[in-house]
Amino acid sequence: MAGGGGRPRCPPGALLALAAVVVAAGWARGEPKEEQSIDLIEKNEVYGDTRHEVNVYVKVFTNSPFLVCMDLALSQEKIIDPNYLWIGPDGRYLQGQGYVNLTETGKLMVMGFRVSMSGAYTCTLSHKVIETTTQEEIEMVEAYKFMVYAYREADHAYQTSVRFSTTRCRLQTDVLFVEKLTKILNSTISPLTCHITASSYKCHSIRTPKNGLQHELFVNFLVNPFAPGWEEVCHKIPYDCEDVTNRRVRQAAELIGRFFRQLRYVLKYEFHAVPTIQYVDNSFSMTPIDSCRPGFGKNHHTHQNCASCCVVCGPGTYSPNNEVTCRTCASPQARVYGAVSCY
């Protein structure tokens, strides 16, 4: 599996190859980028509440926590002749369904949770209360509603920026340098099936109080986990693979950070001639960028207890691509969870 068994190391010649291009650049003189919390019940039980529906978030292809057909206070009391009736989002009774684990004490677990299983799960608890003095039996009924949503972890990429000093702007060597830099970074992270995308640069003239006019290349690129072949890696593991994808791109980001730290050392201590293009110390920065799979999005207001999750788009909303929000349909054609279009 890509990303397993230790982290890939930078190709041995990569740093020296780039350093050689940096030095050689001088000879080509042509001119021409509820807070954050996945509060997913660690004790694996979620109690109902007669006053309001309870939101529950289940990662796709995993089992839900147990949904308990009573509130926490009632669970501390003795209950006489309890009877539990569970109904799923499609209006069907859940007793006897093969994808649920329904205990005799009214706890419900939905197994192998999929997008289509999202929706309202309701339970009616009926039980008796015996009046102490008259021994009269009174039938009590409570209803509990759980809104259960499928979610995925967000896909991570890293927006990266770095600066290099150059002799002046609009040199052909600047273009060659950025192209070579991108090529070497790609070769460094390709074993992780990650690659560099959205690579761009601008050259700016900067006046400094002590050193006068200087010129710097502002280089930006995205460290993307979806290089060709990433789906084949995912096929080697069961179910969904965003955990593996995110681990790989994090390792790729660490490799690139290490690359620039080593590059600074190579240019500063291993070359006697001052390169035409130089790395600007401490200019390297990296910012995580989240995206969601189609049919999922983030909503900090609606899903406060799963603010960092990519939650399934609800009926009447959709997400056709890797944005982080679900769009609202102009008319309510999308009546399912996880829609990628309104039709």
Foldseek 3Di string as FASTA:
>chain_A
DQLPDDFFAQDPCLLVVLVVLLQVLVPQFAFDWCPAALPADPVLEDEFDLVDAAEHEDAAQAKHRWYADHHPVCVVDDFAPKDKWKAFFVRDTPVPDPQWDADPRGIIMGHNDHQQRFAKMKMKIWTWDQDDPPRDIDIDIGMGIYGYWYWHFWAKKKKKKFKKWAQDPRGPSVVVSQVSVQVSLQVRLVSLLKHKPPWDWDKDWDQDPPPGITIMIIIIIMTGLHHPPPVVVQVVDPDDCSVSSNSSNVSSVVNVVVSVVVSLCCQPPVDPDRGNMGTDPPRIDMDMDTWAAWQWAADCVVCVSNRSIGIGAAQQWTAQGGHHHTHGDPDRQRHGTSHNDSD
